[in-house]
Amino acid sequence: RMARTLLQKYSERLTTLIEDGKAAGEIAPDIDTVAASLLFIGTIQGLVMQSLLAGGDTQGIRDKVPGVFAIYRRGIENR
């Protein structure tokens, strides 16, 4: 239940940030806000799972985060 509440709050915050990015012209106006939020959360969860499967190797995953985020950002940015 606590995890669900945290995910809901995180999703709401992401939705607000994405909408703000659209209003500022930084994020493409036709991006589906809910889908972009779900994709971001799913990506983070996937990285956490990979870290756990690698025996808690957080540094190995941290090294990959900038590249992963760059791909996500390219997918939603306003061109």
C-alpha atoms as a PDB file:
ATOM      1  CA  ARG A   1       0.000   0.000   0.000  1.00  0.00           C
ATOM      2  CA  MET A   2       2.799   2.397   0.883  1.00  0.00           C
ATOM      3  CA  ALA A   3       4.590   1.635  -2.389  1.00  0.00           C
ATOM      4  CA  ARG A   4       1.369   2.280  -4.323  1.00  0.00           C
ATOM      5  CA  THR A   5       0.926   5.638  -2.582  1.00  0.00           C
ATOM      6  CA  LEU A   6       4.524   6.639  -3.307  1.00  0.00           C
ATOM      7  CA  LEU A   7       4.180   5.646  -6.961  1.00  0.00           C
ATOM      8  CA  GLN A   8       0.944   7.625  -7.249  1.00  0.00           C
ATOM      9  CA  LYS A   9       2.556  10.749  -5.779  1.00  0.00           C
ATOM     10  CA  TYR A  10       5.599  10.302  -8.001  1.00  0.00           C
ATOM     11  CA  SER A  11       3.351   9.900 -11.047  1.00  0.00           C
ATOM     12  CA  GLU A  12       1.424  13.052 -10.149  1.00  0.00           C
ATOM     13  CA  ARG A  13       4.664  15.001  -9.758  1.00  0.00           C
ATOM     14  CA  LEU A  14       5.976  13.715 -13.091  1.00  0.00           C
ATOM     15  CA  THR A  15       2.703  14.592 -14.789  1.00  0.00           C
ATOM     16  CA  THR A  16       2.996  18.156 -13.502  1.00  0.00           C
ATOM     17  CA  LEU A  17       6.625  18.426 -14.621  1.00  0.00           C
ATOM     18  CA  ILE A  18       5.798  17.079 -18.081  1.00  0.00           C
ATOM     19  CA  GLU A  19       2.880  19.486 -18.463  1.00  0.00           C
ATOM     20  CA  ASP A  20       5.132  22.354 -17.324  1.00  0.00           C
ATOM     21  CA  GLY A  21       7.698  21.257 -19.904  1.00  0.00           C
ATOM     22  CA  LYS A  22       5.029  21.320 -22.602  1.00  0.00           C
ATOM     23  CA  ALA A  23       3.937  24.813 -21.553  1.00  0.00           C
ATOM     24  CA  ALA A  24       7.564  25.994 -21.678  1.00  0.00           C
ATOM     25  CA  GLY A  25       8.037  24.500 -25.147  1.00  0.00           C
ATOM     26  CA  GLU A  26      10.661  22.029 -23.907  1.00  0.00           C
ATOM     27  CA  ILE A  27       8.504  18.930 -24.405  1.00  0.00           C
ATOM     28  CA  ALA A  28       6.591  18.211 -27.588  1.00  0.00           C
ATOM     29  CA  PRO A  29       2.967  19.299 -27.204  1.00  0.00           C
ATOM     30  CA  ASP A  30       1.599  16.080 -28.706  1.00  0.00           C
ATOM     31  CA  ILE A  31       3.343  13.811 -26.166  1.00  0.00           C
ATOM     32  CA  ASP A  32       0.899  11.711 -24.141  1.00  0.00           C
ATOM     33  CA  THR A  33       1.628  12.931 -20.614  1.00  0.00           C
ATOM     34  CA  VAL A  34       0.387   9.791 -18.856  1.00  0.00           C
ATOM     35  CA  ALA A  35       2.341   7.514 -21.193  1.00  0.00           C
ATOM     36  CA  ALA A  36       5.512   9.593 -20.765  1.00  0.00           C
ATOM     37  CA  SER A  37       5.125   9.419 -16.997  1.00  0.00           C
ATOM     38  CA  LEU A  38       4.547   5.652 -17.057  1.00  0.00           C
ATOM     39  CA  LEU A  39       7.541   5.130 -19.329  1.00  0.00           C
ATOM     40  CA  PHE A  40       9.807   7.108 -17.014  1.00  0.00           C
ATOM     41  CA  ILE A  41       8.651   5.255 -13.896  1.00  0.00           C
ATOM     42  CA  GLY A  42       8.943   1.913 -15.676  1.00  0.00           C
ATOM     43  CA  THR A  43      12.460   2.775 -16.785  1.00  0.00           C
ATOM     44  CA  ILE A  44      13.513   3.622 -13.229  1.00  0.00           C
ATOM     45  CA  GLN A  45      11.916   0.430 -11.918  1.00  0.00           C
ATOM     46  CA  GLY A  46      13.732  -1.569 -14.587  1.00  0.00           C
ATOM     47  CA  LEU A  47      17.071  -0.059 -13.597  1.00  0.00           C
ATOM     48  CA  VAL A  48      16.408  -0.844  -9.941  1.00  0.00           C
ATOM     49  CA  MET A  49      15.521  -4.441 -10.833  1.00  0.00           C
ATOM     50  CA  GLN A  50      18.708  -4.822 -12.886  1.00  0.00           C
ATOM     51  CA  SER A  51      20.699  -3.503  -9.938  1.00  0.00           C
ATOM     52  CA  LEU A  52      19.089  -6.045  -7.617  1.00  0.00           C
ATOM     53  CA  LEU A  53      19.711  -8.879 -10.067  1.00  0.00           C
ATOM     54  CA  ALA A  54      23.351  -7.810 -10.279  1.00  0.00           C
ATOM     55  CA  GLY A  55      23.725  -8.362  -6.550  1.00  0.00           C
ATOM     56  CA  GLY A  56      23.025  -4.771  -5.588  1.00  0.00           C
ATOM     57  CA  ASP A  57      25.579  -3.281  -7.985  1.00  0.00           C
ATOM     58  CA  THR A  58      24.280   0.269  -7.871  1.00  0.00           C
ATOM     59  CA  GLN A  59      27.414   1.797  -9.388  1.00  0.00           C
ATOM     60  CA  GLY A  60      27.120  -0.261 -12.556  1.00  0.00           C
ATOM     61  CA  ILE A  61      23.547   0.914 -13.028  1.00  0.00           C
ATOM     62  CA  ARG A  62      24.355   4.525 -12.069  1.00  0.00           C
ATOM     63  CA  ASP A  63      26.928   4.604 -14.830  1.00  0.00           C
ATOM     64  CA  LYS A  64      24.196   3.757 -17.351  1.00  0.00           C
ATOM     65  CA  VAL A  65      21.589   6.262 -16.105  1.00  0.00           C
ATOM     66  CA  PRO A  66      22.784   9.326 -18.093  1.00  0.00           C
ATOM     67  CA  GLY A  67      22.580   7.426 -21.376  1.00  0.00           C
ATOM     68  CA  VAL A  68      19.187   5.956 -20.530  1.00  0.00           C
ATOM     69  CA  PHE A  69      17.827   9.378 -19.576  1.00  0.00           C
ATOM     70  CA  ALA A  70      19.235  10.943 -22.749  1.00  0.00           C
ATOM     71  CA  ILE A  71      17.279   8.437 -24.843  1.00  0.00           C
ATOM     72  CA  TYR A  72      14.092   9.129 -22.862  1.00  0.00           C
ATOM     73  CA  ARG A  73      14.563  12.891 -23.154  1.00  0.00           C
ATOM     74  CA  ARG A  74      15.131  12.676 -26.912  1.00  0.00           C
ATOM     75  CA  GLY A  75      11.839  10.849 -27.216  1.00  0.00           C
ATOM     76  CA  ILE A  76       9.791  13.573 -25.542  1.00  0.00           C
ATOM     77  CA  GLU A  77      11.642  16.793 -26.332  1.00  0.00           C
ATOM     78  CA  ASN A  78      10.198  19.438 -28.598  1.00  0.00           C
ATOM     79  CA  ARG A  79      12.204  19.545 -31.830  1.00  0.00           C
END
